[in-house]
Amino acid sequence: MQSSSELFERSSKLIPGGVNSPVRAFRSVGGTPFFTKKASGCRLTTVDDQALIDYVCTWGPAILGHDHPEVRAAISSALSQGTSYGTPGPAEVEMAEQIVELVPSVEKVRMCNSGTEATMSAIRLARGYTGRDKIIKFSGCYHGHVDSLLVKAGSGALTFGNPDSAGIPEAFARETIVLPYNDVEALEGAFKEAGEEIAAIIVEPYPANCGLILPKPGYLQSMRDQCDAHGSLLVFDEVMTGFRVALGGVQELEGVTPDLTAMGKIIGGGLPVGAFGGRSEIMDHLAPLGPVYQAGTLSGNPLAMAAGITVLRILQKENPYPRLDEMGKRLARELTVVAASAGIPLQVPQVGAMFCLFFAEKAVHNFEQAVGTEAERFKELFRHALDNGVYLPPSPFETCFLSSAHGNDEITKTLEILSAGIRKL
């Protein structure tokens, strides 16, 4: 098998940037990306035969770890019946029942094939339902590569310094109002100025594409209140947080119920998936019942449904959330202590199975503060971690993920490696 460097050289001749998703290119951390030949539990094995403790977890879906035997068996069983039908299948109904049972905001749900499809469709539905055009989003929140939402975005767009992507007409961007996160006055001001034109707010309730930012007390409720007062819809993008921070997502933890929710990642069990759902009266505006068109050839794919249903069953049966939160808190607590003793400014925001590393003196509450952190220090720590067997997200503006396959031994080893790296900064 060829080495990672050889494969990257080949791919760079055929694939833009050599990768099929920009953040994989390692541009913000230096060097060339490794190529993975195998994933199992909480570890990746590269084509160069390096074993890595994985804190990317395929960017969120692998909450049970990689190649879980029950998920693999479910996919194998579904595969024996075919790969795609182009008709309704029983698994789609079971998935819908699971989502409606678990997610507070969802009475009806439509499956699609990616988180981007989910957010795009939710916004189209919100506009169709309200008859309004304008959308509020927040700086640093990434909602997929949707034209009207790729404005002041996070994730790969932020990493590469071009959050306002080329190829998006200015007219599209004019319909998007971008606000700072955690700023109630800015939110109230936007509704005061244009409330009758605003179809919806879309937000990552815990922004996790410019690091991990947590809402100030009452901030999410203020969004709910403004939407209620002005007849706008509140859309939670829980593609990343859904089923990860809790079975019911952030809306379960915070007690704030949106009108629509975008979902993905975990409900595909590692296969491509997306979904959006909400109140019946809103969802019934979708075709074939209503005038808002949305479709997908592979939506409700039987393999993805089988994998996702199995993951949701296991999460309900095993309830790994307390242990995931305990591991996350241990990492955050001990890394913060190490950094303080070394005189290194470090913030480690954490919730459940999610955390990030901000090299900053003070807590980070919004996009501007996130991009003001010391990215060069993260780059040095990333390289040290990777060289010693720990894979962090290859960007200072991404979130780390834990899985139930991580154990005390892996956490202890990770702390040893990251602590040594922090002391060298």
Protein backbone atom coordinates (compact mmCIF):
# COMPACT_ATOMS: atom_id res chain seq x y z
CA MET A 1 0.00 0.00 0.00
CA GLN A 2 1.25 3.48 -0.83
CA SER A 3 2.18 5.94 1.91
CA SER A 4 0.02 8.92 2.87
CA SER A 5 2.39 11.32 1.12
CA GLU A 6 2.27 9.25 -2.07
CA LEU A 7 -1.51 9.04 -1.97
CA PHE A 8 -1.78 12.79 -1.38
CA GLU A 9 0.46 13.46 -4.34
CA ARG A 10 -1.81 11.29 -6.50
CA SER A 11 -5.03 12.80 -5.17
CA SER A 12 -3.75 16.37 -5.63
CA LYS A 13 -3.61 15.77 -9.38
CA LEU A 14 -7.23 14.64 -9.52
CA ILE A 15 -9.16 16.18 -6.60
CA PRO A 16 -9.14 19.95 -5.81
CA GLY A 17 -6.65 20.39 -2.98
CA GLY A 18 -6.24 16.62 -2.86
CA VAL A 19 -9.25 16.22 -0.52
CA ASN A 20 -13.02 15.93 -0.76
CA SER A 21 -13.68 18.26 2.16
CA PRO A 22 -11.44 21.30 2.70
CA VAL A 23 -10.57 20.96 6.39
CA ARG A 24 -9.01 17.54 5.72
CA ALA A 25 -6.18 19.23 3.83
CA PHE A 26 -4.23 20.19 6.99
CA ARG A 27 -3.68 23.69 5.58
CA SER A 28 -4.16 25.36 8.96
CA VAL A 29 -1.92 22.98 10.91
CA GLY A 30 0.81 22.34 8.35
CA GLY A 31 2.03 19.26 6.59
CA THR A 32 0.05 16.85 4.46
CA PRO A 33 -2.93 14.81 5.64
CA PHE A 34 -2.63 11.17 6.57
CA PHE A 35 -4.80 8.59 4.82
CA THR A 36 -6.73 6.09 6.92
CA LYS A 37 -6.93 2.41 6.05
CA LYS A 38 -8.91 1.19 9.06
CA ALA A 39 -10.95 2.48 11.99
CA SER A 40 -11.98 0.51 15.05
CA GLY A 41 -13.22 1.61 18.46
CA CYS A 42 -11.61 4.94 19.34
CA ARG A 43 -8.64 4.45 17.02
CA LEU A 44 -7.68 5.12 13.43
CA THR A 45 -4.92 3.24 11.65
CA THR A 46 -3.21 5.14 8.88
CA VAL A 47 -1.83 3.63 5.69
CA ASP A 48 1.56 4.34 7.29
CA ASP A 49 0.59 1.92 10.11
CA GLN A 50 0.36 4.61 12.77
CA ALA A 51 -2.38 4.01 15.37
CA LEU A 52 -4.11 7.18 16.55
CA ILE A 53 -6.52 7.83 19.41
CA ASP A 54 -9.27 9.63 17.51
CA TYR A 55 -10.95 12.80 18.79
CA VAL A 56 -12.56 13.65 15.46
CA CYS A 57 -14.87 10.60 15.32
CA THR A 58 -15.67 11.25 11.64
CA TRP A 59 -16.58 14.83 12.69
CA GLY A 60 -19.23 13.67 15.14
CA PRO A 61 -21.17 10.59 13.99
CA ALA A 62 -19.05 7.93 15.72
CA ILE A 63 -20.49 8.36 19.22
CA LEU A 64 -20.18 4.57 19.74
CA GLY A 65 -16.71 4.50 18.21
CA HIS A 66 -15.77 3.10 14.82
CA ASP A 67 -16.96 -0.20 13.39
CA HIS A 68 -19.31 -1.06 16.23
CA PRO A 69 -20.24 -4.74 15.82
CA GLU A 70 -23.99 -4.22 16.19
CA VAL A 71 -24.00 -1.38 13.68
CA ARG A 72 -21.91 -3.42 11.26
CA ALA A 73 -24.30 -6.36 11.63
CA ALA A 74 -27.31 -4.10 10.99
CA ILE A 75 -25.74 -2.74 7.80
CA SER A 76 -24.87 -6.26 6.67
CA SER A 77 -28.43 -7.45 7.24
CA ALA A 78 -29.87 -4.49 5.34
CA LEU A 79 -27.34 -4.96 2.54
CA SER A 80 -28.58 -8.50 2.01
CA GLN A 81 -31.95 -6.99 1.02
CA GLY A 82 -30.52 -4.46 -1.45
CA THR A 83 -28.72 -1.12 -1.42
CA SER A 84 -31.49 1.29 -2.46
CA TYR A 85 -35.15 0.94 -3.35
CA GLY A 86 -36.46 4.23 -4.71
CA THR A 87 -39.66 3.42 -2.80
CA PRO A 88 -40.67 3.80 0.84
CA GLY A 89 -39.17 1.18 3.16
CA PRO A 90 -40.06 0.00 6.67
CA ALA A 91 -36.84 1.35 8.21
CA GLU A 92 -37.81 4.92 7.27
CA VAL A 93 -40.94 4.61 9.40
CA GLU A 94 -39.01 3.22 12.35
CA MET A 95 -36.43 5.99 12.10
CA ALA A 96 -39.19 8.62 12.02
CA GLU A 97 -40.80 7.07 15.10
CA GLN A 98 -37.46 7.14 16.96
CA ILE A 99 -36.77 10.78 16.11
CA VAL A 100 -40.29 11.95 17.00
CA GLU A 101 -40.07 10.12 20.32
CA LEU A 102 -36.66 11.53 21.25
CA VAL A 103 -36.50 15.11 19.92
CA PRO A 104 -38.82 17.55 21.76
CA SER A 105 -39.55 19.81 18.76
CA VAL A 106 -40.33 17.13 16.19
CA GLU A 107 -43.84 15.93 15.39
CA LYS A 108 -43.07 15.04 11.78
CA VAL A 109 -39.72 14.48 10.06
CA ARG A 110 -38.34 14.26 6.52
CA MET A 111 -35.16 12.29 5.83
CA CYS A 112 -32.50 13.57 3.45
CA ASN A 113 -28.84 12.80 2.76
CA SER A 114 -26.65 15.34 4.56
CA GLY A 115 -26.63 18.06 7.15
CA THR A 116 -26.36 20.64 4.38
CA GLU A 117 -29.54 19.28 2.78
CA ALA A 118 -31.26 19.39 6.15
CA THR A 119 -30.47 23.05 6.87
CA MET A 120 -31.13 24.11 3.27
CA SER A 121 -34.52 22.42 3.32
CA ALA A 122 -35.42 23.78 6.76
CA ILE A 123 -34.72 27.33 5.59
CA ARG A 124 -36.74 26.86 2.40
CA LEU A 125 -39.61 25.48 4.49
CA ALA A 126 -39.40 28.39 6.94
CA ARG A 127 -39.57 30.88 4.10
CA GLY A 128 -42.43 29.02 2.44
CA TYR A 129 -44.39 28.73 5.66
CA THR A 130 -44.00 32.38 6.74
CA GLY A 131 -44.02 33.98 3.29
CA ARG A 132 -40.94 35.99 4.32
CA ASP A 133 -37.41 36.12 2.90
CA LYS A 134 -34.90 37.23 5.50
CA ILE A 135 -32.95 34.84 7.73
CA ILE A 136 -30.93 35.58 10.85
CA LYS A 137 -27.75 33.58 11.39
CA PHE A 138 -24.78 34.10 13.70
CA SER A 139 -21.12 34.76 13.02
CA GLY A 140 -19.10 31.55 13.14
CA CYS A 141 -22.10 29.22 12.90
CA TYR A 142 -21.69 26.84 9.98
CA HIS A 143 -24.85 25.34 8.50
CA GLY A 144 -23.38 23.49 5.57
CA HIS A 145 -22.47 24.93 2.20
CA VAL A 146 -25.86 26.53 1.53
CA ASP A 147 -25.61 29.73 -0.52
CA SER A 148 -27.65 31.97 1.77
CA LEU A 149 -26.03 30.54 4.90
CA LEU A 150 -22.36 30.53 3.87
CA VAL A 151 -21.91 34.06 5.20
CA LYS A 152 -19.62 34.59 8.19
CA ALA A 153 -19.51 30.82 8.51
CA GLY A 154 -17.31 28.62 10.65
CA SER A 155 -15.79 25.18 10.10
CA GLY A 156 -13.70 24.75 6.94
CA ALA A 157 -14.75 28.13 5.60
CA LEU A 158 -13.30 29.81 8.68
CA THR A 159 -10.18 27.66 8.62
CA PHE A 160 -9.37 28.77 5.11
CA GLY A 161 -10.03 32.44 5.73
CA ASN A 162 -12.84 32.80 3.18
CA PRO A 163 -16.09 32.59 5.15
CA ASP A 164 -17.84 34.66 2.49
CA SER A 165 -17.46 32.13 -0.31
CA ALA A 166 -17.01 33.07 -3.94
CA GLY A 167 -19.89 32.00 -6.15
CA ILE A 168 -22.67 33.34 -3.92
CA PRO A 169 -24.69 36.19 -5.49
CA GLU A 170 -24.78 39.36 -3.44
CA ALA A 171 -28.57 39.29 -3.63
CA PHE A 172 -28.61 36.01 -1.70
CA ALA A 173 -26.38 37.40 1.02
CA ARG A 174 -28.63 40.46 1.39
CA GLU A 175 -31.40 38.22 2.65
CA THR A 176 -29.15 36.97 5.49
CA ILE A 177 -28.76 39.08 8.63
CA VAL A 178 -25.58 38.11 10.48
CA LEU A 179 -25.43 38.79 14.21
CA PRO A 180 -22.84 38.19 16.93
CA TYR A 181 -23.65 35.18 19.10
CA ASN A 182 -24.49 35.78 22.77
CA ASP A 183 -25.55 39.40 22.13
CA VAL A 184 -29.18 39.91 23.19
CA GLU A 185 -29.18 43.61 22.28
CA ALA A 186 -28.10 42.88 18.70
CA LEU A 187 -30.82 40.24 18.41
CA GLU A 188 -33.52 42.55 19.72
CA GLY A 189 -32.27 45.34 17.45
CA ALA A 190 -32.49 43.18 14.34
CA PHE A 191 -36.09 42.26 15.09
CA LYS A 192 -36.97 45.85 15.91
CA GLU A 193 -35.64 46.94 12.52
CA ALA A 194 -36.84 44.09 10.29
CA GLY A 195 -39.04 41.79 12.37
CA GLU A 196 -41.89 41.61 9.85
CA GLU A 197 -39.46 40.46 7.12
CA ILE A 198 -37.67 37.75 9.14
CA ALA A 199 -38.73 34.23 8.27
CA ALA A 200 -36.49 32.49 10.78
CA ILE A 201 -33.49 32.40 13.02
CA ILE A 202 -31.15 29.52 12.30
CA VAL A 203 -28.55 28.75 14.94
CA GLU A 204 -26.26 26.08 16.22
CA PRO A 205 -27.56 26.27 19.80
CA TYR A 206 -24.06 25.29 20.92
CA PRO A 207 -21.88 26.71 18.12
CA ALA A 208 -19.29 24.04 17.40
CA ASN A 209 -17.78 25.06 14.09
CA CYS A 210 -15.56 27.84 15.42
CA GLY A 211 -14.40 25.86 18.40
CA LEU A 212 -17.10 25.22 21.02
CA ILE A 213 -19.07 28.20 22.30
CA LEU A 214 -21.74 27.88 24.96
CA PRO A 215 -24.73 30.22 25.29
CA LYS A 216 -24.98 32.65 28.15
CA PRO A 217 -27.90 31.95 30.52
CA GLY A 218 -31.19 32.91 28.90
CA TYR A 219 -29.73 33.62 25.46
CA LEU A 220 -31.47 30.78 23.62
CA GLN A 221 -34.75 31.66 25.34
CA SER A 222 -34.37 35.23 24.07
CA MET A 223 -34.34 33.83 20.52
CA ARG A 224 -37.54 31.91 21.26
CA ASP A 225 -39.15 35.03 22.70
CA GLN A 226 -38.24 37.22 19.71
CA CYS A 227 -39.52 34.67 17.22
CA ASP A 228 -42.79 34.30 19.12
CA ALA A 229 -43.25 38.07 19.27
CA HIS A 230 -42.69 38.59 15.54
CA GLY A 231 -44.17 35.46 13.95
CA SER A 232 -40.78 34.08 12.91
CA LEU A 233 -39.59 30.49 13.20
CA LEU A 234 -36.72 29.29 15.35
CA VAL A 235 -34.55 26.67 13.63
CA PHE A 236 -32.00 24.72 15.64
CA ASP A 237 -29.16 23.21 13.64
CA GLU A 238 -28.49 20.11 15.74
CA VAL A 239 -26.64 18.24 13.03
CA MET A 240 -23.66 18.11 15.36
CA THR A 241 -25.24 18.28 18.83
CA GLY A 242 -28.30 16.16 18.16
CA PHE A 243 -28.16 12.81 20.02
CA ARG A 244 -24.59 13.69 21.07
CA VAL A 245 -25.00 15.99 24.06
CA ALA A 246 -28.25 14.21 24.99
CA LEU A 247 -30.77 11.99 23.24
CA GLY A 248 -32.95 15.05 22.67
CA GLY A 249 -30.05 17.35 21.83
CA VAL A 250 -29.48 20.85 23.15
CA GLN A 251 -33.21 21.54 23.20
CA GLU A 252 -33.59 18.82 25.82
CA LEU A 253 -30.76 20.19 27.96
CA GLU A 254 -31.74 23.85 27.69
CA GLY A 255 -35.53 23.47 27.74
CA VAL A 256 -35.95 25.69 24.67
CA THR A 257 -38.03 24.15 21.89
CA PRO A 258 -37.44 25.34 18.32
CA ASP A 259 -40.03 25.21 15.53
CA LEU A 260 -37.76 23.21 13.23
CA THR A 261 -34.66 21.09 13.87
CA ALA A 262 -31.97 20.02 11.40
CA MET A 263 -30.27 16.71 12.20
CA GLY A 264 -27.64 14.38 10.76
CA LYS A 265 -24.40 12.60 11.60
CA ILE A 266 -25.29 10.20 14.48
CA ILE A 267 -28.62 9.11 12.95
CA GLY A 268 -26.71 7.66 9.99
CA GLY A 269 -24.40 5.48 12.05
CA GLY A 270 -21.45 6.63 9.92
CA LEU A 271 -23.32 6.57 6.59
CA PRO A 272 -24.55 9.69 4.74
CA VAL A 273 -27.75 11.03 6.27
CA GLY A 274 -29.69 14.13 7.18
CA ALA A 275 -33.14 14.95 8.51
CA PHE A 276 -35.27 17.94 9.42
CA GLY A 277 -38.44 18.01 11.43
CA GLY A 278 -40.78 20.12 13.49
CA ARG A 279 -44.39 20.93 14.18
CA SER A 280 -46.89 19.10 11.98
CA GLU A 281 -48.53 22.30 10.71
CA ILE A 282 -45.16 23.50 9.41
CA MET A 283 -43.95 20.17 8.03
CA ASP A 284 -47.22 19.69 6.14
CA HIS A 285 -46.20 22.61 3.91
CA LEU A 286 -43.75 20.20 2.26
CA ALA A 287 -44.60 18.48 -1.02
CA PRO A 288 -46.59 16.36 -1.70
CA LEU A 289 -48.98 17.95 0.83
CA GLY A 290 -47.89 21.55 0.43
CA PRO A 291 -46.17 24.00 -1.93
CA VAL A 292 -42.59 23.73 -0.60
CA TYR A 293 -40.70 21.29 -2.79
CA GLN A 294 -37.99 19.02 -1.42
CA ALA A 295 -36.84 15.64 -2.73
CA GLY A 296 -33.94 13.19 -2.73
CA THR A 297 -33.23 10.05 -4.71
CA LEU A 298 -31.44 8.32 -1.84
CA SER A 299 -33.38 9.85 1.06
CA GLY A 300 -34.19 7.22 3.67
CA ASN A 301 -31.57 4.88 2.25
CA PRO A 302 -32.10 1.45 3.88
CA LEU A 303 -28.43 1.00 4.82
CA ALA A 304 -28.22 4.39 6.53
CA MET A 305 -31.55 3.85 8.26
CA ALA A 306 -30.47 0.44 9.57
CA ALA A 307 -27.23 1.87 10.93
CA GLY A 308 -28.86 4.92 12.50
CA ILE A 309 -31.71 3.00 14.11
CA THR A 310 -29.19 0.65 15.69
CA VAL A 311 -27.15 3.54 17.09
CA LEU A 312 -30.25 5.15 18.59
CA ARG A 313 -31.31 1.85 20.18
CA ILE A 314 -27.88 1.38 21.74
CA LEU A 315 -27.81 4.96 23.04
CA GLN A 316 -31.19 4.46 24.71
CA LYS A 317 -30.21 1.09 26.15
CA GLU A 318 -26.73 1.95 27.39
CA ASN A 319 -27.09 5.68 28.18
CA PRO A 320 -23.39 6.55 27.72
CA TYR A 321 -23.98 10.26 28.31
CA PRO A 322 -22.96 10.48 31.99
CA ARG A 323 -19.68 8.65 31.31
CA LEU A 324 -18.97 10.73 28.20
CA ASP A 325 -19.52 13.90 30.21
CA GLU A 326 -17.27 12.59 32.98
CA MET A 327 -14.45 11.93 30.49
CA GLY A 328 -14.93 15.32 28.91
CA LYS A 329 -14.84 17.08 32.27
CA ARG A 330 -11.67 15.20 33.23
CA LEU A 331 -9.90 16.27 30.04
CA ALA A 332 -11.00 19.88 30.45
CA ARG A 333 -10.10 20.05 34.13
CA GLU A 334 -6.67 18.44 33.94
CA LEU A 335 -5.55 20.23 30.76
CA THR A 336 -6.54 23.56 32.27
CA VAL A 337 -4.50 22.83 35.40
CA VAL A 338 -1.45 21.80 33.34
CA ALA A 339 -1.66 24.93 31.22
CA ALA A 340 -1.97 27.19 34.25
CA SER A 341 1.08 25.62 35.88
CA ALA A 342 3.01 26.17 32.65
CA GLY A 343 1.86 29.77 32.31
CA ILE A 344 -0.01 29.01 29.10
CA PRO A 345 -3.41 30.69 28.63
CA LEU A 346 -5.90 27.91 27.83
CA GLN A 347 -9.69 27.67 27.85
CA VAL A 348 -11.32 24.25 27.45
CA PRO A 349 -15.08 24.68 27.00
CA GLN A 350 -16.81 21.32 27.31
CA VAL A 351 -20.29 19.86 27.27
CA GLY A 352 -20.92 16.14 27.32
CA ALA A 353 -18.87 14.42 24.63
CA MET A 354 -17.69 17.69 23.06
CA PHE A 355 -14.80 19.99 23.96
CA CYS A 356 -12.27 22.27 22.33
CA LEU A 357 -8.97 23.99 23.05
CA PHE A 358 -8.83 27.79 22.90
CA PHE A 359 -5.46 29.32 23.69
CA ALA A 360 -6.85 32.47 25.29
CA GLU A 361 -6.78 34.28 28.62
CA LYS A 362 -10.56 34.56 28.97
CA ALA A 363 -13.59 32.45 28.15
CA VAL A 364 -14.72 32.66 24.52
CA HIS A 365 -18.33 33.78 23.98
CA ASN A 366 -18.50 34.61 20.27
CA PHE A 367 -16.88 34.32 16.85
CA GLU A 368 -14.69 37.42 17.16
CA GLN A 369 -13.19 36.15 20.40
CA ALA A 370 -12.66 32.70 18.88
CA VAL A 371 -10.67 33.99 15.91
CA GLY A 372 -8.66 36.15 18.31
CA THR A 373 -7.23 33.11 20.11
CA GLU A 374 -3.65 31.96 19.56
CA ALA A 375 -4.02 29.61 16.60
CA GLU A 376 -0.26 29.10 16.29
CA ARG A 377 -0.13 27.42 19.68
CA PHE A 378 -2.89 25.03 18.65
CA LYS A 379 -0.94 24.22 15.50
CA GLU A 380 2.13 23.29 17.56
CA LEU A 381 0.05 21.17 19.93
CA PHE A 382 -1.70 19.43 17.03
CA ARG A 383 1.63 18.40 15.49
CA HIS A 384 2.96 17.16 18.84
CA ALA A 385 -0.23 15.18 19.48
CA LEU A 386 -0.26 13.62 16.01
CA ASP A 387 3.39 12.64 16.22
CA ASN A 388 2.66 10.88 19.51
CA GLY A 389 -0.52 9.04 18.57
CA VAL A 390 -3.41 11.45 19.29
CA TYR A 391 -5.54 12.85 16.47
CA LEU A 392 -7.15 16.21 17.20
CA PRO A 393 -9.21 18.09 14.59
CA PRO A 394 -6.77 19.65 12.08
CA SER A 395 -7.95 23.20 12.79
CA PRO A 396 -8.00 25.48 15.84
CA PHE A 397 -11.64 26.25 15.03
CA GLU A 398 -13.16 22.79 15.27
CA THR A 399 -14.58 20.75 18.13
CA CYS A 400 -13.19 17.52 19.57
CA PHE A 401 -15.47 14.54 20.07
CA LEU A 402 -15.47 11.63 22.48
CA SER A 403 -17.03 8.23 21.90
CA SER A 404 -18.19 5.48 24.22
CA ALA A 405 -15.24 3.47 22.89
CA HIS A 406 -12.84 5.84 24.66
CA GLY A 407 -11.88 4.55 28.08
CA ASN A 408 -9.82 5.61 31.07
CA ASP A 409 -6.62 4.25 29.54
CA GLU A 410 -7.07 6.33 26.39
CA ILE A 411 -7.96 9.44 28.38
CA THR A 412 -4.90 8.99 30.62
CA LYS A 413 -2.61 8.52 27.63
CA THR A 414 -4.14 11.53 25.89
CA LEU A 415 -3.63 13.68 28.96
CA GLU A 416 0.01 12.62 29.18
CA ILE A 417 0.65 13.47 25.53
CA LEU A 418 -1.25 16.76 25.46
CA SER A 419 0.22 17.85 28.80
CA ALA A 420 3.73 17.28 27.49
CA GLY A 421 2.85 19.24 24.37
CA ILE A 422 1.41 22.14 26.34
CA ARG A 423 4.49 22.37 28.52
CA LYS A 424 6.64 22.66 25.37
CA LEU A 425 4.69 25.61 23.97
